[in-house]
Amino acid sequence: MTRLAIDGGEPIRRDPWPAWPPPASPEQRELLIQVVDSGRWGATSGPLCDRLAGRFAERHDARHGVVLTNGTLALFVALRAAGVGPGDEVVIPAYTFVACATAVLLAGAVPVVADVDADHLHLSASTVRPAITDRTRAVMVVHLAGSPAPMDELVVLAGERDLAVIEDSAQAHGAAYRGRPVGALGTAATFSFQSSKAMTAGEGGLIVTDDDELAARAWSACNVGRVRGGAWYHHADVGWNLRMTELQAALLLPWLDRLDDEVATREAFAGEVGRNLDAWGGPVRTVPDPPGTTVNSRHLLMLRADSGTDMDRSWILAAMEAEGVPLDAGYPPLGGLPALDGRVRALAAPAARAAARDVFWVRQPHLMAGPEGAADLVAALRRVLGDRRSGTA
């Protein structure tokens, strides 16, 4: 057993991990220059936002796309366009980002926090069903870490109660469920282009849907209540200025042509890690995909340490950081966040609590590091967790 880096030993990895976002491509630079030189920087005066909306929707098997400022507001607009408002309830998962709850609050509705599946950590029919009441209007399904939620059972359950299904696909660009891209599996889907995401313009969001009326309402909500083709100062409904800019669209359009290759790189990294962890037989494994996953786009690689392992979570994070292979602690249970106290209805969530205790994340930039990076990750885990469990690797 070599000496741990946290105790003064040599770290497993000294090389830097890939940067994210990566340097701008020649195609991005060319489009950006075209936009800057044209002077048409806003979404209402240039063609790129419409082109991005159309191409992105087509890629995700949807008829309509609406671009806007960010992923959180995409959730809000999708909920509003689906008819969610004051007095309604929306079921959301307990293991997710706070924006799922705050978007519901912004719509004037009540987030109902349901537990997740104990194994794959997504909502399932069995975890959603106890959360449904006569006030429930929608279920917000999160495709966590790039893996699609088990949509068949969730869509069937929602159909029994006439509920909208909003797919939060912020981490799932390029993911697929039973051979279909995420996005057109429910009522509407939202995507984020924030800096950490698989496609990024620093910020940005997009809604896709097959519903003609919902798409029209979403577009109006993002364009101060206007109607497509209507008079400039005719405001048919209450809306806001939530428009994306042409500069953001210029950064995002070329990404569509390389997204599949980047997803394949991350998936290969995750596969290599999983095989090496299985060969080791130690106290850590990868979190499995939900049933029906065709493509996991691997925004994150989630690792789970055995709950019976005697470990100090903060020590493991510090020890892995010292080895040059940092991990992320992941989400705390959503229902326990101080900001949401008294603002949500939270069901018991033992699976989410267990995930907050046992699950660690490998962030997206690390997944772009290839086989050498995967080997370094497993070597660091073997050194740190092997030592922690038994004193040997």
Protein backbone atom coordinates (compact mmCIF):
# COMPACT_ATOMS: atom_id res chain seq x y z
CA MET A 1 0.00 0.00 0.00
CA THR A 2 1.53 3.32 -1.07
CA ARG A 3 1.17 6.29 1.20
CA LEU A 4 -1.96 8.34 0.66
CA ALA A 5 -1.42 11.78 -0.86
CA ILE A 6 -3.46 13.32 1.94
CA ASP A 7 -0.81 11.95 4.30
CA GLY A 8 2.08 13.28 2.23
CA GLY A 9 2.43 10.57 -0.43
CA GLU A 10 2.67 11.09 -4.18
CA PRO A 11 -0.74 11.73 -5.78
CA ILE A 12 -2.14 9.35 -8.36
CA ARG A 13 -2.63 12.14 -10.91
CA ARG A 14 -0.75 15.37 -11.51
CA ASP A 15 -1.96 16.08 -15.05
CA PRO A 16 -4.81 18.59 -15.42
CA TRP A 17 -8.25 17.34 -16.38
CA PRO A 18 -9.86 18.57 -19.62
CA ALA A 19 -11.27 22.09 -19.46
CA TRP A 20 -15.00 22.68 -19.75
CA PRO A 21 -16.29 24.27 -21.79
CA PRO A 22 -13.66 23.37 -24.38
CA PRO A 23 -12.12 26.08 -26.59
CA ALA A 24 -14.47 27.50 -29.18
CA SER A 25 -14.48 25.60 -32.47
CA PRO A 26 -13.76 27.29 -35.81
CA GLU A 27 -17.45 26.96 -36.67
CA GLN A 28 -18.46 28.74 -33.47
CA ARG A 29 -15.97 31.52 -34.08
CA GLU A 30 -17.20 32.01 -37.64
CA LEU A 31 -20.85 32.22 -36.58
CA LEU A 32 -20.04 34.59 -33.72
CA ILE A 33 -18.20 36.94 -36.07
CA GLN A 34 -21.11 36.83 -38.50
CA VAL A 35 -23.53 37.79 -35.72
CA VAL A 36 -21.31 40.56 -34.36
CA ASP A 37 -20.75 42.03 -37.82
CA SER A 38 -24.44 41.83 -38.72
CA GLY A 39 -25.55 43.93 -35.74
CA ARG A 40 -28.53 41.58 -35.35
CA TRP A 41 -27.77 40.36 -31.87
CA GLY A 42 -31.27 39.88 -30.47
CA ALA A 43 -33.55 36.93 -31.07
CA THR A 44 -36.18 39.13 -32.74
CA SER A 45 -33.79 40.42 -35.40
CA GLY A 46 -31.75 37.39 -36.52
CA PRO A 47 -32.21 33.85 -37.85
CA LEU A 48 -29.96 31.72 -35.65
CA CYS A 49 -32.30 31.36 -32.67
CA ASP A 50 -35.05 30.02 -34.90
CA ARG A 51 -32.57 27.70 -36.61
CA LEU A 52 -31.37 26.37 -33.25
CA ALA A 53 -34.94 25.85 -32.02
CA GLY A 54 -35.84 23.92 -35.16
CA ARG A 55 -32.74 21.75 -35.33
CA PHE A 56 -32.78 20.95 -31.63
CA ALA A 57 -36.47 20.00 -31.69
CA GLU A 58 -35.95 17.80 -34.75
CA ARG A 59 -33.04 16.03 -33.07
CA HIS A 60 -35.26 15.28 -30.08
CA ASP A 61 -38.20 13.98 -32.15
CA ALA A 62 -40.34 17.02 -31.36
CA ARG A 63 -42.21 19.34 -33.71
CA HIS A 64 -41.58 22.57 -31.82
CA GLY A 65 -38.68 24.26 -30.06
CA VAL A 66 -38.65 27.49 -28.06
CA VAL A 67 -35.34 29.07 -27.04
CA LEU A 68 -35.00 31.26 -23.96
CA THR A 69 -32.65 32.60 -21.33
CA ASN A 70 -31.88 29.61 -19.09
CA GLY A 71 -32.97 26.17 -17.94
CA THR A 72 -34.71 27.30 -14.75
CA LEU A 73 -36.99 29.67 -16.63
CA ALA A 74 -37.52 26.95 -19.24
CA LEU A 75 -39.05 24.82 -16.48
CA PHE A 76 -41.22 27.73 -15.33
CA VAL A 77 -42.44 28.50 -18.86
CA ALA A 78 -43.12 24.84 -19.62
CA LEU A 79 -45.17 24.52 -16.43
CA ARG A 80 -47.10 27.71 -17.15
CA ALA A 81 -47.73 26.69 -20.77
CA ALA A 82 -49.01 23.32 -19.51
CA GLY A 83 -51.57 25.13 -17.39
CA VAL A 84 -49.90 24.92 -13.98
CA GLY A 85 -50.77 27.85 -11.72
CA PRO A 86 -51.63 28.97 -8.17
CA GLY A 87 -53.21 26.25 -6.05
CA ASP A 88 -51.81 23.41 -8.15
CA GLU A 89 -49.25 20.84 -7.05
CA VAL A 90 -46.31 19.50 -9.05
CA VAL A 91 -44.51 16.30 -8.06
CA ILE A 92 -40.71 16.60 -8.22
CA PRO A 93 -37.89 14.25 -7.14
CA ALA A 94 -36.11 14.52 -3.79
CA TYR A 95 -32.70 13.98 -5.41
CA THR A 96 -32.34 16.89 -7.83
CA PHE A 97 -31.29 20.53 -8.18
CA VAL A 98 -33.19 23.24 -6.32
CA ALA A 99 -34.37 24.84 -9.60
CA CYS A 100 -36.98 22.08 -9.94
CA ALA A 101 -38.66 23.40 -6.80
CA THR A 102 -38.12 27.12 -7.41
CA ALA A 103 -39.54 26.89 -10.95
CA VAL A 104 -42.71 25.41 -9.49
CA LEU A 105 -42.84 28.16 -6.88
CA LEU A 106 -42.37 30.78 -9.60
CA ALA A 107 -45.46 29.38 -11.32
CA GLY A 108 -47.38 29.89 -8.07
CA ALA A 109 -47.78 26.17 -7.46
CA VAL A 110 -46.63 23.90 -4.62
CA PRO A 111 -43.69 21.52 -5.14
CA VAL A 112 -44.43 18.07 -3.75
CA VAL A 113 -41.14 16.32 -3.11
CA ALA A 114 -41.34 12.56 -3.72
CA ASP A 115 -38.64 10.01 -3.02
CA VAL A 116 -36.62 8.39 -5.80
CA ASP A 117 -35.92 4.79 -6.67
CA ALA A 118 -33.40 3.38 -4.21
CA ASP A 119 -31.25 1.90 -6.97
CA HIS A 120 -31.21 4.24 -9.99
CA LEU A 121 -32.22 7.45 -8.10
CA HIS A 122 -34.94 8.66 -10.52
CA LEU A 123 -38.65 9.07 -9.96
CA SER A 124 -40.67 5.93 -10.62
CA ALA A 125 -44.37 5.17 -10.65
CA SER A 126 -44.13 3.66 -7.16
CA THR A 127 -42.49 6.79 -5.70
CA VAL A 128 -44.78 9.26 -7.51
CA ARG A 129 -48.10 7.58 -6.76
CA PRO A 130 -48.17 8.40 -3.00
CA ALA A 131 -47.50 12.08 -3.81
CA ILE A 132 -50.52 12.56 -6.08
CA THR A 133 -53.57 14.37 -4.72
CA ASP A 134 -56.64 16.01 -6.25
CA ARG A 135 -54.54 19.18 -6.62
CA THR A 136 -51.73 17.55 -8.60
CA ARG A 137 -51.43 19.05 -12.08
CA ALA A 138 -48.05 17.82 -13.30
CA VAL A 139 -45.09 15.54 -12.67
CA MET A 140 -41.60 16.93 -13.28
CA VAL A 141 -39.43 14.01 -14.32
CA VAL A 142 -35.66 14.63 -14.10
CA HIS A 143 -33.33 12.69 -16.39
CA LEU A 144 -30.64 12.60 -13.74
CA ALA A 145 -26.93 12.73 -14.67
CA GLY A 146 -27.71 11.97 -18.32
CA SER A 147 -29.75 8.79 -17.82
CA PRO A 148 -33.44 8.80 -18.83
CA ALA A 149 -36.03 8.20 -16.13
CA PRO A 150 -38.30 5.13 -16.61
CA MET A 151 -40.75 7.07 -18.77
CA ASP A 152 -43.16 4.30 -19.77
CA GLU A 153 -44.44 3.72 -16.26
CA LEU A 154 -44.46 7.43 -15.42
CA VAL A 155 -46.38 8.41 -18.56
CA VAL A 156 -48.94 5.68 -17.92
CA LEU A 157 -49.44 6.84 -14.34
CA ALA A 158 -49.77 10.47 -15.42
CA GLY A 159 -52.28 9.50 -18.10
CA GLU A 160 -54.46 7.77 -15.52
CA ARG A 161 -54.75 11.09 -13.65
CA ASP A 162 -54.65 13.48 -16.63
CA LEU A 163 -51.36 15.01 -15.47
CA ALA A 164 -48.81 16.85 -17.57
CA VAL A 165 -45.33 15.31 -17.69
CA ILE A 166 -42.49 17.83 -17.85
CA GLU A 167 -39.11 16.28 -18.66
CA ASP A 168 -36.26 18.17 -17.00
CA SER A 169 -33.55 17.22 -19.49
CA ALA A 170 -30.95 19.76 -18.33
CA GLN A 171 -28.39 16.98 -17.86
CA ALA A 172 -29.50 14.75 -20.73
CA HIS A 173 -28.51 16.29 -24.07
CA GLY A 174 -28.18 13.32 -26.42
CA ALA A 175 -29.75 10.74 -24.08
CA ALA A 176 -32.25 8.20 -25.38
CA TYR A 177 -34.94 5.97 -23.88
CA ARG A 178 -36.02 2.78 -25.67
CA GLY A 179 -34.47 4.09 -28.87
CA ARG A 180 -36.09 7.54 -28.69
CA PRO A 181 -34.34 10.77 -27.71
CA VAL A 182 -35.48 12.32 -24.46
CA GLY A 183 -37.61 15.40 -25.10
CA ALA A 184 -40.80 14.24 -26.79
CA LEU A 185 -41.60 11.45 -24.32
CA GLY A 186 -43.90 13.57 -22.16
CA THR A 187 -45.92 16.76 -22.51
CA ALA A 188 -42.89 19.02 -22.89
CA ALA A 189 -39.18 18.91 -22.09
CA THR A 190 -36.66 21.51 -21.02
CA PHE A 191 -32.93 21.76 -21.58
CA SER A 192 -30.22 23.95 -20.06
CA PHE A 193 -27.13 25.43 -21.71
CA GLN A 194 -25.50 26.64 -18.49
CA SER A 195 -21.71 26.51 -18.31
CA SER A 196 -21.42 22.95 -16.95
CA LYS A 197 -23.84 21.34 -19.41
CA ALA A 198 -23.04 19.08 -22.37
CA MET A 199 -23.92 21.95 -24.73
CA THR A 200 -23.26 25.41 -23.34
CA ALA A 201 -23.39 29.06 -24.26
CA GLY A 202 -22.65 30.14 -20.70
CA GLU A 203 -26.40 30.28 -20.13
CA GLY A 204 -29.49 29.47 -22.17
CA GLY A 205 -32.51 27.20 -22.24
CA LEU A 206 -34.82 25.44 -24.66
CA ILE A 207 -38.26 23.84 -24.54
CA VAL A 208 -39.33 21.11 -26.95
CA THR A 209 -42.85 19.73 -27.38
CA ASP A 210 -45.18 18.07 -29.86
CA ASP A 211 -48.14 20.10 -28.55
CA ASP A 212 -48.98 22.95 -30.92
CA GLU A 213 -50.92 25.00 -28.37
CA LEU A 214 -48.36 24.51 -25.61
CA ALA A 215 -45.58 25.63 -27.97
CA ALA A 216 -47.53 28.77 -28.87
CA ARG A 217 -48.13 29.59 -25.21
CA ALA A 218 -44.49 29.00 -24.35
CA TRP A 219 -43.28 31.24 -27.20
CA SER A 220 -45.71 33.97 -26.09
CA ALA A 221 -44.58 33.73 -22.47
CA CYS A 222 -40.96 34.29 -23.59
CA ASN A 223 -41.88 37.17 -25.90
CA VAL A 224 -43.85 39.55 -23.62
CA GLY A 225 -47.19 37.99 -24.48
CA ARG A 226 -46.98 38.49 -28.23
CA VAL A 227 -48.37 36.02 -30.77
CA ARG A 228 -46.25 34.75 -33.66
CA GLY A 229 -47.09 36.83 -36.71
CA GLY A 230 -49.09 39.34 -34.67
CA ALA A 231 -48.66 43.07 -34.30
CA TRP A 232 -45.60 44.26 -32.36
CA TYR A 233 -47.62 46.00 -29.67
CA HIS A 234 -50.39 43.43 -29.49
CA HIS A 235 -49.96 41.49 -26.24
CA ALA A 236 -52.49 38.67 -26.15
CA ASP A 237 -51.37 37.32 -22.79
CA VAL A 238 -49.10 38.10 -19.87
CA GLY A 239 -45.51 37.35 -20.82
CA TRP A 240 -41.95 38.38 -20.16
CA ASN A 241 -38.79 39.10 -22.11
CA LEU A 242 -37.05 35.73 -21.70
CA ARG A 243 -35.45 35.61 -25.12
CA MET A 244 -32.13 34.01 -26.02
CA THR A 245 -29.68 36.10 -28.05
CA GLU A 246 -28.20 35.34 -31.47
CA LEU A 247 -24.75 35.20 -29.84
CA GLN A 248 -25.83 32.27 -27.68
CA ALA A 249 -27.38 30.50 -30.66
CA ALA A 250 -24.12 30.95 -32.58
CA LEU A 251 -22.25 29.08 -29.84
CA LEU A 252 -24.82 26.29 -29.65
CA LEU A 253 -25.64 25.46 -33.27
CA PRO A 254 -22.25 23.88 -34.17
CA TRP A 255 -22.38 21.80 -30.99
CA LEU A 256 -25.21 19.73 -32.42
CA ASP A 257 -22.76 18.27 -34.94
CA ARG A 258 -20.28 17.03 -32.33
CA LEU A 259 -22.58 16.13 -29.44
CA ASP A 260 -22.81 12.42 -30.28
CA ASP A 261 -19.02 12.03 -30.37
CA GLU A 262 -18.67 13.72 -26.99
CA VAL A 263 -21.40 11.54 -25.49
CA ALA A 264 -19.58 8.45 -26.81
CA THR A 265 -16.34 9.63 -25.18
CA ARG A 266 -18.02 10.02 -21.81
CA GLU A 267 -19.86 6.72 -22.10
CA ALA A 268 -16.60 4.93 -22.92
CA PHE A 269 -15.00 6.47 -19.81
CA ALA A 270 -17.93 5.31 -17.65
CA GLY A 271 -17.81 1.82 -19.13
CA GLU A 272 -14.09 1.53 -18.44
CA VAL A 273 -14.58 2.66 -14.84
CA GLY A 274 -17.45 0.23 -14.31
CA ARG A 275 -15.47 -2.75 -15.63
CA ASN A 276 -12.44 -1.90 -13.49
CA LEU A 277 -14.54 -1.43 -10.37
CA ASP A 278 -16.23 -4.79 -10.96
CA ALA A 279 -12.83 -6.44 -11.41
CA TRP A 280 -11.60 -4.90 -8.18
CA GLY A 281 -14.64 -6.00 -6.17
CA GLY A 282 -14.20 -3.15 -3.70
CA PRO A 283 -16.78 -1.12 -1.78
CA VAL A 284 -17.82 1.17 -4.66
CA ARG A 285 -19.87 0.69 -7.83
CA THR A 286 -21.47 2.82 -10.52
CA VAL A 287 -25.13 3.76 -10.05
CA PRO A 288 -27.11 1.69 -12.60
CA ASP A 289 -29.20 3.12 -15.42
CA PRO A 290 -32.99 3.00 -15.11
CA PRO A 291 -34.72 0.31 -17.18
CA GLY A 292 -35.18 1.36 -20.79
CA THR A 293 -32.00 3.43 -21.08
CA THR A 294 -30.66 3.31 -24.63
CA VAL A 295 -28.13 6.14 -24.37
CA ASN A 296 -26.84 7.64 -21.12
CA SER A 297 -25.30 10.98 -22.11
CA ARG A 298 -23.20 10.96 -18.91
CA HIS A 299 -23.39 14.52 -17.73
CA LEU A 300 -22.15 12.95 -14.51
CA LEU A 301 -20.87 9.53 -13.50
CA MET A 302 -22.50 8.62 -10.19
CA LEU A 303 -20.57 6.30 -7.90
CA ARG A 304 -22.00 4.64 -4.83
CA ALA A 305 -19.99 3.46 -1.83
CA ASP A 306 -21.35 0.53 0.16
CA SER A 307 -23.52 1.87 2.97
CA GLY A 308 -21.91 -0.60 5.35
CA THR A 309 -18.46 0.79 4.70
CA ASP A 310 -16.99 2.60 7.70
CA MET A 311 -16.18 5.89 6.06
CA ASP A 312 -16.05 9.59 6.77
CA ARG A 313 -17.57 11.27 3.72
CA SER A 314 -15.65 14.54 4.09
CA TRP A 315 -12.38 12.61 4.52
CA ILE A 316 -12.98 10.64 1.33
CA LEU A 317 -13.62 13.84 -0.63
CA ALA A 318 -10.46 15.41 0.77
CA ALA A 319 -8.39 12.28 0.14
CA MET A 320 -9.57 12.00 -3.47
CA GLU A 321 -8.84 15.69 -4.03
CA ALA A 322 -5.32 15.15 -2.71
CA GLU A 323 -4.86 12.26 -5.17
CA GLY A 324 -5.62 14.69 -8.00
CA VAL A 325 -8.98 13.03 -8.71
CA PRO A 326 -11.67 15.24 -7.18
CA LEU A 327 -15.19 13.98 -6.58
CA ASP A 328 -18.37 15.96 -5.97
CA ALA A 329 -20.58 15.35 -2.94
CA GLY A 330 -23.77 15.59 -5.02
CA TYR A 331 -27.23 16.75 -3.96
CA PRO A 332 -28.57 16.96 -0.43
CA PRO A 333 -32.20 15.80 -0.06
CA LEU A 334 -34.30 18.54 -1.64
CA GLY A 335 -37.01 18.57 1.00
CA GLY A 336 -34.53 19.52 3.71
CA LEU A 337 -33.11 22.67 2.09
CA PRO A 338 -33.56 25.72 4.36
CA ALA A 339 -34.72 27.91 1.45
CA LEU A 340 -37.67 25.59 0.84
CA ASP A 341 -38.75 25.22 4.45
CA GLY A 342 -42.51 25.74 4.60
CA ARG A 343 -42.74 26.18 0.83
CA VAL A 344 -42.92 22.55 -0.25
CA ARG A 345 -44.77 19.43 0.76
CA ALA A 346 -42.11 16.79 1.28
CA LEU A 347 -42.81 13.08 1.60
CA ALA A 348 -40.45 10.77 3.44
CA ALA A 349 -37.41 10.23 1.23
CA PRO A 350 -35.15 7.49 2.63
CA ALA A 351 -33.66 6.71 -0.80
CA ALA A 352 -32.69 10.34 -1.37
CA ARG A 353 -31.17 10.51 2.12
CA ALA A 354 -29.16 7.38 1.42
CA ALA A 355 -27.94 8.84 -1.88
CA ALA A 356 -26.83 12.02 -0.13
CA ARG A 357 -24.79 9.83 2.22
CA ASP A 358 -23.37 7.23 -0.17
CA VAL A 359 -23.25 8.70 -3.69
CA PHE A 360 -20.36 10.67 -5.18
CA TRP A 361 -20.16 12.33 -8.58
CA VAL A 362 -17.46 12.40 -11.22
CA ARG A 363 -17.98 15.68 -13.07
CA GLN A 364 -18.37 15.99 -16.84
CA PRO A 365 -14.87 17.39 -17.63
CA HIS A 366 -13.25 14.35 -16.03
CA LEU A 367 -15.34 12.05 -18.23
CA MET A 368 -13.67 13.59 -21.29
CA ALA A 369 -10.21 12.40 -20.14
CA GLY A 370 -10.18 9.05 -21.97
CA PRO A 371 -8.87 5.66 -20.75
CA GLU A 372 -5.96 7.20 -18.84
CA GLY A 373 -8.33 9.36 -16.84
CA ALA A 374 -10.56 6.36 -16.11
CA ALA A 375 -7.54 4.39 -14.89
CA ASP A 376 -6.50 7.26 -12.61
CA LEU A 377 -9.99 7.47 -11.14
CA VAL A 378 -10.11 3.78 -10.30
CA ALA A 379 -6.54 3.78 -8.96
CA ALA A 380 -7.39 6.67 -6.64
CA LEU A 381 -10.59 4.95 -5.47
CA ARG A 382 -8.67 1.76 -4.77
CA ARG A 383 -6.05 3.63 -2.80
CA VAL A 384 -8.47 5.77 -0.80
CA LEU A 385 -11.40 3.43 -0.24
CA GLY A 386 -9.29 0.29 -0.02
CA ASP A 387 -7.20 1.89 2.67
CA ARG A 388 -10.23 3.27 4.45
CA ARG A 389 -11.99 -0.07 4.53
CA SER A 390 -9.23 -2.47 5.45
CA GLY A 391 -5.85 -0.79 5.34
CA THR A 392 -4.99 -2.43 2.01
CA ALA A 393 -5.79 -1.77 -1.62
